[in-house]
Every structure is written in C-alpha cells, then in structure tokens.
C-alpha cells in the first residue's frame, strides 16, 4: 500500500490530505486492522464518521446523582461565576 510509512504504520496525515474520491477509495481499501489504526490516530474532532450512540443501562437522573453534570449547565454556572468577579 502506498500510504504506509517506512515503519509499516499508516501515514494518516497523507491520507487526510487526499481529494475526497481518492480518500474514500483509500479508506475503503483498508483492512479491518488498518481501519482501526487509522481511526485510533485521528484527533477526536477530525473523524469523518457520524456520531455513534453509546448504549447504557441507567437513566440520566441516575447519572446526575452519581456526580455527573450537564455541560450546558456547567458552562452557564462557570460563566455566571466569572461575570460576578
């Protein structure tokens, strides 16, 4: 494969710079192992895949009781505290 580095790992930066059609063909030709390697090396905000749901066996209320917070509420509380100072 022409998108391998000398050490045998995928050249993710080079793949990401390809034109869309060539990118789609290249990613489509990756083996399952290479595909996993490719997506594991992408920064979290650069994935070309849609968001995936995470199935859990608890409710939002139960999670909040365990100490989790809703990001919007946390940001608004932080913003309010900073505006007071």
PDB file of N, CA and C in Angstrom:
ATOM      1  N   UNK A   1       0.854  -1.188   0.000  1.00  0.00           N
ATOM      2  CA  UNK A   1       0.000   0.000   0.000  1.00  0.00           C
ATOM      3  C   UNK A   1       0.891   1.240   0.000  1.00  0.00           C
ATOM      4  N   UNK A   2       0.518   2.222  -0.783  1.00  0.00           N
ATOM      5  CA  UNK A   2       1.364   3.409  -0.935  1.00  0.00           C
ATOM      6  C   UNK A   2       1.211   4.424   0.196  1.00  0.00           C
ATOM      7  N   UNK A   3       0.320   4.178   1.152  1.00  0.00           N
ATOM      8  CA  UNK A   3       0.115   5.116   2.257  1.00  0.00           C
ATOM      9  C   UNK A   3       0.662   4.577   3.571  1.00  0.00           C
ATOM     10  N   UNK A   4       1.736   3.807   3.475  1.00  0.00           N
ATOM     11  CA  UNK A   4       2.412   3.300   4.660  1.00  0.00           C
ATOM     12  C   UNK A   4       3.706   4.070   4.870  1.00  0.00           C
ATOM     13  N   UNK A   5       4.048   4.303   6.126  1.00  0.00           N
ATOM     14  CA  UNK A   5       5.338   4.906   6.444  1.00  0.00           C
ATOM     15  C   UNK A   5       6.400   3.809   6.381  1.00  0.00           C
ATOM     16  N   UNK A   6       7.661   4.199   6.516  1.00  0.00           N
ATOM     17  CA  UNK A   6       8.753   3.230   6.464  1.00  0.00           C
ATOM     18  C   UNK A   6       8.644   2.189   7.573  1.00  0.00           C
ATOM     19  N   UNK A   7       8.082   2.566   8.725  1.00  0.00           N
ATOM     20  CA  UNK A   7       7.958   1.627   9.848  1.00  0.00           C
ATOM     21  C   UNK A   7       6.742   0.710   9.713  1.00  0.00           C
ATOM     22  N   UNK A   8       5.963   0.857   8.633  1.00  0.00           N
ATOM     23  CA  UNK A   8       4.816  -0.007   8.395  1.00  0.00           C
ATOM     24  C   UNK A   8       3.493   0.544   8.895  1.00  0.00           C
ATOM     25  N   UNK A   9       3.525   1.667   9.627  1.00  0.00           N
ATOM     26  CA  UNK A   9       2.276   2.268  10.115  1.00  0.00           C
ATOM     27  C   UNK A   9       1.656   3.133   9.024  1.00  0.00           C
ATOM     28  N   UNK A  10       0.381   3.405   9.176  1.00  0.00           N
ATOM     29  CA  UNK A  10      -0.333   4.219   8.185  1.00  0.00           C
ATOM     30  C   UNK A  10       0.104   5.672   8.252  1.00  0.00           C
ATOM     31  N   UNK A  11       0.197   6.308   7.104  1.00  0.00           N
ATOM     32  CA  UNK A  11       0.503   7.732   7.029  1.00  0.00           C
ATOM     33  C   UNK A  11      -0.828   8.497   7.048  1.00  0.00           C
ATOM     34  N   UNK A  12      -1.363   8.692   8.247  1.00  0.00           N
ATOM     35  CA  UNK A  12      -2.688   9.288   8.430  1.00  0.00           C
ATOM     36  C   UNK A  12      -2.735  10.703   7.860  1.00  0.00           C
ATOM     37  N   UNK A  13      -1.695  11.480   8.074  1.00  0.00           N
ATOM     38  CA  UNK A  13      -1.682  12.859   7.574  1.00  0.00           C
ATOM     39  C   UNK A  13      -1.795  12.887   6.050  1.00  0.00           C
ATOM     40  N   UNK A  14      -1.082  11.990   5.398  1.00  0.00           N
ATOM     41  CA  UNK A  14      -1.113  11.933   3.931  1.00  0.00           C
ATOM     42  C   UNK A  14      -2.489  11.496   3.435  1.00  0.00           C
ATOM     43  N   UNK A  15      -3.096  10.514   4.105  1.00  0.00           N
ATOM     44  CA  UNK A  15      -4.429  10.051   3.719  1.00  0.00           C
ATOM     45  C   UNK A  15      -5.445  11.177   3.864  1.00  0.00           C
ATOM     46  N   UNK A  16      -5.340  11.936   4.942  1.00  0.00           N
ATOM     47  CA  UNK A  16      -6.303  13.018   5.193  1.00  0.00           C
ATOM     48  C   UNK A  16      -6.198  14.155   4.180  1.00  0.00           C
ATOM     49  N   UNK A  17      -5.076  14.285   3.509  1.00  0.00           N
ATOM     50  CA  UNK A  17      -4.890  15.365   2.529  1.00  0.00           C
ATOM     51  C   UNK A  17      -5.347  14.982   1.120  1.00  0.00           C
ATOM     52  N   UNK A  18      -5.791  13.740   0.949  1.00  0.00           N
ATOM     53  CA  UNK A  18      -6.219  13.281  -0.380  1.00  0.00           C
ATOM     54  C   UNK A  18      -7.512  13.967  -0.813  1.00  0.00           C
ATOM     55  N   UNK A  19      -7.715  14.097  -2.133  1.00  0.00           N
ATOM     56  CA  UNK A  19      -9.018  14.561  -2.622  1.00  0.00           C
ATOM     57  C   UNK A  19     -10.092  13.562  -2.179  1.00  0.00           C
ATOM     58  N   UNK A  20     -11.327  14.021  -2.063  1.00  0.00           N
ATOM     59  CA  UNK A  20     -12.401  13.230  -1.471  1.00  0.00           C
ATOM     60  C   UNK A  20     -12.545  11.848  -2.115  1.00  0.00           C
ATOM     61  N   UNK A  21     -12.592  11.768  -3.424  1.00  0.00           N
ATOM     62  CA  UNK A  21     -12.805  10.466  -4.080  1.00  0.00           C
ATOM     63  C   UNK A  21     -11.650   9.513  -3.796  1.00  0.00           C
ATOM     64  N   UNK A  22     -10.424  10.010  -3.874  1.00  0.00           N
ATOM     65  CA  UNK A  22      -9.267   9.154  -3.601  1.00  0.00           C
ATOM     66  C   UNK A  22      -9.239   8.763  -2.121  1.00  0.00           C
ATOM     67  N   UNK A  23      -9.618   9.694  -1.251  1.00  0.00           N
ATOM     68  CA  UNK A  23      -9.699   9.411   0.189  1.00  0.00           C
ATOM     69  C   UNK A  23     -10.692   8.274   0.442  1.00  0.00           C
ATOM     70  N   UNK A  24     -11.889   8.367  -0.157  1.00  0.00           N
ATOM     71  CA  UNK A  24     -12.920   7.344   0.031  1.00  0.00           C
ATOM     72  C   UNK A  24     -12.435   5.984  -0.468  1.00  0.00           C
ATOM     73  N   UNK A  25     -11.777   5.966  -1.626  1.00  0.00           N
ATOM     74  CA  UNK A  25     -11.249   4.710  -2.163  1.00  0.00           C
ATOM     75  C   UNK A  25     -10.175   4.134  -1.242  1.00  0.00           C
ATOM     76  N   UNK A  26      -9.291   5.003  -0.766  1.00  0.00           N
ATOM     77  CA  UNK A  26      -8.191   4.551   0.089  1.00  0.00           C
ATOM     78  C   UNK A  26      -8.708   3.990   1.399  1.00  0.00           C
ATOM     79  N   UNK A  27      -9.586   4.722   2.067  1.00  0.00           N
ATOM     80  CA  UNK A  27     -10.134   4.254   3.340  1.00  0.00           C
ATOM     81  C   UNK A  27     -10.964   2.993   3.122  1.00  0.00           C
ATOM     82  N   UNK A  28     -11.659   2.908   2.002  1.00  0.00           N
ATOM     83  CA  UNK A  28     -12.441   1.723   1.683  1.00  0.00           C
ATOM     84  C   UNK A  28     -11.589   0.486   1.434  1.00  0.00           C
ATOM     85  N   UNK A  29     -10.338   0.687   1.010  1.00  0.00           N
ATOM     86  CA  UNK A  29      -9.437  -0.430   0.740  1.00  0.00           C
ATOM     87  C   UNK A  29      -8.643  -0.880   1.967  1.00  0.00           C
ATOM     88  N   UNK A  30      -8.764  -0.162   3.073  1.00  0.00           N
ATOM     89  CA  UNK A  30      -8.015  -0.534   4.283  1.00  0.00           C
ATOM     90  C   UNK A  30      -8.537  -1.856   4.846  1.00  0.00           C
ATOM     91  N   UNK A  31      -7.619  -2.631   5.390  1.00  0.00           N
ATOM     92  CA  UNK A  31      -8.042  -3.844   6.084  1.00  0.00           C
ATOM     93  C   UNK A  31      -8.700  -3.433   7.397  1.00  0.00           C
ATOM     94  N   UNK A  32      -9.347  -4.377   8.063  1.00  0.00           N
ATOM     95  CA  UNK A  32     -10.002  -4.059   9.329  1.00  0.00           C
ATOM     96  C   UNK A  32      -8.986  -3.552  10.355  1.00  0.00           C
ATOM     97  N   UNK A  33      -7.802  -4.145  10.372  1.00  0.00           N
ATOM     98  CA  UNK A  33      -6.752  -3.721  11.303  1.00  0.00           C
ATOM     99  C   UNK A  33      -6.268  -2.305  10.961  1.00  0.00           C
ATOM    100  N   UNK A  34      -6.049  -2.037   9.670  1.00  0.00           N
ATOM    101  CA  UNK A  34      -5.609  -0.705   9.246  1.00  0.00           C
ATOM    102  C   UNK A  34      -6.686   0.342   9.531  1.00  0.00           C
ATOM    103  N   UNK A  35      -7.942  -0.036   9.311  1.00  0.00           N
ATOM    104  CA  UNK A  35      -9.058   0.869   9.578  1.00  0.00           C
ATOM    105  C   UNK A  35      -9.071   1.268  11.056  1.00  0.00           C
ATOM    106  N   UNK A  36      -8.902   0.286  11.935  1.00  0.00           N
ATOM    107  CA  UNK A  36      -8.845   0.565  13.364  1.00  0.00           C
ATOM    108  C   UNK A  36      -7.675   1.466  13.715  1.00  0.00           C
ATOM    109  N   UNK A  37      -6.519   1.208  13.109  1.00  0.00           N
ATOM    110  CA  UNK A  37      -5.335   2.036  13.338  1.00  0.00           C
ATOM    111  C   UNK A  37      -5.581   3.465  12.859  1.00  0.00           C
ATOM    112  N   UNK A  38      -6.186   3.598  11.678  1.00  0.00           N
ATOM    113  CA  UNK A  38      -6.453   4.923  11.109  1.00  0.00           C
ATOM    114  C   UNK A  38      -7.327   5.749  12.044  1.00  0.00           C
ATOM    115  N   UNK A  39      -8.458   5.187  12.453  1.00  0.00           N
ATOM    116  CA  UNK A  39      -9.378   5.956  13.296  1.00  0.00           C
ATOM    117  C   UNK A  39      -8.858   6.152  14.707  1.00  0.00           C
ATOM    118  N   UNK A  40      -7.968   5.295  15.179  1.00  0.00           N
ATOM    119  CA  UNK A  40      -7.402   5.495  16.513  1.00  0.00           C
ATOM    120  C   UNK A  40      -6.399   6.643  16.521  1.00  0.00           C
ATOM    121  N   UNK A  41      -5.849   6.982  15.360  1.00  0.00           N
ATOM    122  CA  UNK A  41      -4.854   8.053  15.275  1.00  0.00           C
ATOM    123  C   UNK A  41      -5.466   9.411  14.953  1.00  0.00           C
ATOM    124  N   UNK A  42      -6.749   9.441  14.631  1.00  0.00           N
ATOM    125  CA  UNK A  42      -7.387  10.721  14.322  1.00  0.00           C
ATOM    126  C   UNK A  42      -7.672  11.491  15.601  1.00  0.00           C
ATOM    127  N   UNK A  43      -7.442  12.795  15.598  1.00  0.00           N
ATOM    128  CA  UNK A  43      -7.886  13.594  16.740  1.00  0.00           C
ATOM    129  C   UNK A  43      -9.402  13.486  16.878  1.00  0.00           C
ATOM    130  N   UNK A  44      -9.895  13.667  18.056  1.00  0.00           N
ATOM    131  CA  UNK A  44     -11.307  13.418  18.342  1.00  0.00           C
ATOM    132  C   UNK A  44     -12.241  14.249  17.465  1.00  0.00           C
ATOM    133  N   UNK A  45     -11.842  15.432  17.075  1.00  0.00           N
ATOM    134  CA  UNK A  45     -12.736  16.299  16.304  1.00  0.00           C
ATOM    135  C   UNK A  45     -12.516  16.190  14.797  1.00  0.00           C
ATOM    136  N   UNK A  46     -11.730  15.212  14.336  1.00  0.00           N
ATOM    137  CA  UNK A  46     -11.461  15.102  12.909  1.00  0.00           C
ATOM    138  C   UNK A  46     -12.014  13.834  12.282  1.00  0.00           C
ATOM    139  N   UNK A  47     -12.842  13.131  12.979  1.00  0.00           N
ATOM    140  CA  UNK A  47     -13.391  11.904  12.418  1.00  0.00           C
ATOM    141  C   UNK A  47     -14.358  12.243  11.293  1.00  0.00           C
ATOM    142  N   UNK A  48     -14.347  11.445  10.251  1.00  0.00           N
ATOM    143  CA  UNK A  48     -15.272  11.645   9.147  1.00  0.00           C
ATOM    144  C   UNK A  48     -16.516  10.798   9.301  1.00  0.00           C
ATOM    145  N   UNK A  49     -16.641  10.145  10.439  1.00  0.00           N
ATOM    146  CA  UNK A  49     -17.811   9.312  10.690  1.00  0.00           C
ATOM    147  C   UNK A  49     -18.831  10.094  11.511  1.00  0.00           C
ATOM    148  N   UNK A  50     -20.091   9.727  11.387  1.00  0.00           N
ATOM    149  CA  UNK A  50     -21.097  10.390  12.231  1.00  0.00           C
ATOM    150  C   UNK A  50     -20.943   9.963  13.685  1.00  0.00           C
ATOM    151  N   UNK A  51     -21.552  10.719  14.558  1.00  0.00           N
ATOM    152  CA  UNK A  51     -21.530  10.416  15.971  1.00  0.00           C
ATOM    153  C   UNK A  51     -22.204   9.065  16.204  1.00  0.00           C
ATOM    154  N   UNK A  52     -21.673   8.293  17.129  1.00  0.00           N
ATOM    155  CA  UNK A  52     -22.244   6.989  17.436  1.00  0.00           C
ATOM    156  C   UNK A  52     -22.862   7.016  18.829  1.00  0.00           C
ATOM    157  N   UNK A  53     -24.029   6.419  18.955  1.00  0.00           N
ATOM    158  CA  UNK A  53     -24.710   6.355  20.244  1.00  0.00           C
ATOM    159  C   UNK A  53     -24.002   5.358  21.148  1.00  0.00           C
ATOM    160  N   UNK A  54     -23.980   5.671  22.433  1.00  0.00           N
ATOM    161  CA  UNK A  54     -23.443   4.761  23.431  1.00  0.00           C
ATOM    162  C   UNK A  54     -24.623   4.266  24.249  1.00  0.00           C
ATOM    163  N   UNK A  55     -24.855   2.973  24.230  1.00  0.00           N
ATOM    164  CA  UNK A  55     -25.983   2.385  24.943  1.00  0.00           C
ATOM    165  C   UNK A  55     -25.577   2.140  26.390  1.00  0.00           C
ATOM    166  N   UNK A  56     -26.370   2.633  27.315  1.00  0.00           N
ATOM    167  CA  UNK A  56     -26.107   2.444  28.743  1.00  0.00           C
ATOM    168  C   UNK A  56     -27.336   1.854  29.409  1.00  0.00           C
ATOM    169  N   UNK A  57     -27.159   1.325  30.612  1.00  0.00           N
ATOM    170  CA  UNK A  57     -28.276   0.703  31.319  1.00  0.00           C
ATOM    171  C   UNK A  57     -28.700   1.514  32.542  1.00  0.00           C
ATOM    172  N   UNK A  58     -28.604   2.844  32.440  1.00  0.00           N
ATOM    173  CA  UNK A  58     -29.028   3.717  33.526  1.00  0.00           C
ATOM    174  C   UNK A  58     -29.643   4.977  32.939  1.00  0.00           C
ATOM    175  N   UNK A  59     -30.389   5.691  33.766  1.00  0.00           N
ATOM    176  CA  UNK A  59     -31.071   6.901  33.302  1.00  0.00           C
ATOM    177  C   UNK A  59     -30.192   8.121  33.523  1.00  0.00           C
ATOM    178  N   UNK A  60     -30.570   9.225  32.918  1.00  0.00           N
ATOM    179  CA  UNK A  60     -29.853  10.478  33.108  1.00  0.00           C
ATOM    180  C   UNK A  60     -29.895  10.898  34.566  1.00  0.00           C
ATOM    181  N   UNK A  61     -31.047  10.727  35.203  1.00  0.00           N
ATOM    182  CA  UNK A  61     -31.184  11.103  36.609  1.00  0.00           C
ATOM    183  C   UNK A  61     -30.199  10.316  37.483  1.00  0.00           C
ATOM    184  N   UNK A  62     -30.057   9.013  37.192  1.00  0.00           N
ATOM    185  CA  UNK A  62     -29.115   8.191  37.961  1.00  0.00           C
ATOM    186  C   UNK A  62     -27.680   8.666  37.745  1.00  0.00           C
ATOM    187  N   UNK A  63     -27.360   9.029  36.545  1.00  0.00           N
ATOM    188  CA  UNK A  63     -26.011   9.513  36.247  1.00  0.00           C
ATOM    189  C   UNK A  63     -25.745  10.847  36.943  1.00  0.00           C
ATOM    190  N   UNK A  64     -26.733  11.726  36.968  1.00  0.00           N
ATOM    191  CA  UNK A  64     -26.571  13.008  37.651  1.00  0.00           C
ATOM    192  C   UNK A  64     -26.395  12.813  39.146  1.00  0.00           C
ATOM    193  N   UNK A  65     -27.093  11.834  39.723  1.00  0.00           N
ATOM    194  CA  UNK A  65     -26.946  11.531  41.144  1.00  0.00           C
ATOM    195  C   UNK A  65     -25.527  11.049  41.463  1.00  0.00           C
ATOM    196  N   UNK A  66     -24.886  10.414  40.512  1.00  0.00           N
ATOM    197  CA  UNK A  66     -23.515   9.924  40.714  1.00  0.00           C
ATOM    198  C   UNK A  66     -22.487  11.037  40.605  1.00  0.00           C
ATOM    199  N   UNK A  67     -22.909  12.238  40.288  1.00  0.00           N
ATOM    200  CA  UNK A  67     -21.988  13.370  40.261  1.00  0.00           C
ATOM    201  C   UNK A  67     -21.704  13.943  38.895  1.00  0.00           C
ATOM    202  N   UNK A  68     -22.251  13.386  37.856  1.00  0.00           N
ATOM    203  CA  UNK A  68     -22.048  13.949  36.512  1.00  0.00           C
ATOM    204  C   UNK A  68     -22.812  15.264  36.386  1.00  0.00           C
ATOM    205  N   UNK A  69     -22.401  16.069  35.442  1.00  0.00           N
ATOM    206  CA  UNK A  69     -23.084  17.340  35.197  1.00  0.00           C
ATOM    207  C   UNK A  69     -23.422  17.445  33.720  1.00  0.00           C
ATOM    208  N   UNK A  70     -24.393  18.258  33.403  1.00  0.00           N
ATOM    209  CA  UNK A  70     -24.735  18.552  32.016  1.00  0.00           C
ATOM    210  C   UNK A  70     -23.849  19.711  31.584  1.00  0.00           C
ATOM    211  N   UNK A  71     -23.186  19.563  30.453  1.00  0.00           N
ATOM    212  CA  UNK A  71     -22.191  20.537  30.007  1.00  0.00           C
ATOM    213  C   UNK A  71     -22.767  21.948  29.931  1.00  0.00           C
ATOM    214  N   UNK A  72     -23.963  22.087  29.404  1.00  0.00           N
ATOM    215  CA  UNK A  72     -24.574  23.415  29.269  1.00  0.00           C
ATOM    216  C   UNK A  72     -24.736  24.070  30.635  1.00  0.00           C
ATOM    217  N   UNK A  73     -25.205  23.310  31.623  1.00  0.00           N
ATOM    218  CA  UNK A  73     -25.372  23.853  32.968  1.00  0.00           C
ATOM    219  C   UNK A  73     -24.032  24.233  33.576  1.00  0.00           C
ATOM    220  N   UNK A  74     -23.028  23.384  33.394  1.00  0.00           N
ATOM    221  CA  UNK A  74     -21.703  23.651  33.935  1.00  0.00           C
ATOM    222  C   UNK A  74     -21.120  24.932  33.328  1.00  0.00           C
ATOM    223  N   UNK A  75     -21.228  25.061  32.023  1.00  0.00           N
ATOM    224  CA  UNK A  75     -20.686  26.248  31.345  1.00  0.00           C
ATOM    225  C   UNK A  75     -21.420  27.507  31.794  1.00  0.00           C
ATOM    226  N   UNK A  76     -22.747  27.437  31.887  1.00  0.00           N
ATOM    227  CA  UNK A  76     -23.510  28.608  32.329  1.00  0.00           C
ATOM    228  C   UNK A  76     -23.167  28.998  33.764  1.00  0.00           C
ATOM    229  N   UNK A  77     -23.015  28.013  34.651  1.00  0.00           N
ATOM    230  CA  UNK A  77     -22.628  28.313  36.035  1.00  0.00           C
ATOM    231  C   UNK A  77     -21.243  28.931  36.089  1.00  0.00           C
ATOM    232  N   UNK A  78     -20.325  28.397  35.318  1.00  0.00           N
ATOM    233  CA  UNK A  78     -18.973  28.935  35.271  1.00  0.00           C
ATOM    234  C   UNK A  78     -18.984  30.358  34.725  1.00  0.00           C
ATOM    235  N   UNK A  79     -19.746  30.582  33.667  1.00  0.00           N
ATOM    236  CA  UNK A  79     -19.845  31.914  33.074  1.00  0.00           C
ATOM    237  C   UNK A  79     -20.409  32.913  34.086  1.00  0.00           C
ATOM    238  N   UNK A  80     -21.444  32.512  34.812  1.00  0.00           N
ATOM    239  CA  UNK A  80     -22.043  33.381  35.817  1.00  0.00           C
ATOM    240  C   UNK A  80     -21.064  33.720  36.929  1.00  0.00           C
ATOM    241  N   UNK A  81     -20.289  32.730  37.380  1.00  0.00           N
ATOM    242  CA  UNK A  81     -19.298  32.989  38.426  1.00  0.00           C
ATOM    243  C   UNK A  81     -18.226  33.940  37.937  1.00  0.00           C
ATOM    244  N   UNK A  82     -17.790  33.771  36.698  1.00  0.00           N
ATOM    245  CA  UNK A  82     -16.730  34.632  36.166  1.00  0.00           C
ATOM    246  C   UNK A  82     -17.235  36.058  35.931  1.00  0.00           C
ATOM    247  N   UNK A  83     -18.500  36.195  35.577  1.00  0.00           N
ATOM    248  CA  UNK A  83     -19.062  37.538  35.337  1.00  0.00           C
ATOM    249  C   UNK A  83     -19.189  38.324  36.650  1.00  0.00           C
ATOM    250  N   UNK A  84     -19.388  37.619  37.752  1.00  0.00           N
ATOM    251  CA  UNK A  84     -19.522  38.283  39.051  1.00  0.00           C
ATOM    252  C   UNK A  84     -18.211  38.846  39.525  1.00  0.00           C
ATOM    253  N   UNK A  85     -17.085  38.213  39.130  1.00  0.00           N
ATOM    254  CA  UNK A  85     -15.760  38.652  39.613  1.00  0.00           C
ATOM    255  C   UNK A  85     -15.293  39.875  38.956  1.00  0.00           C
TER     256      UNK A  85
END
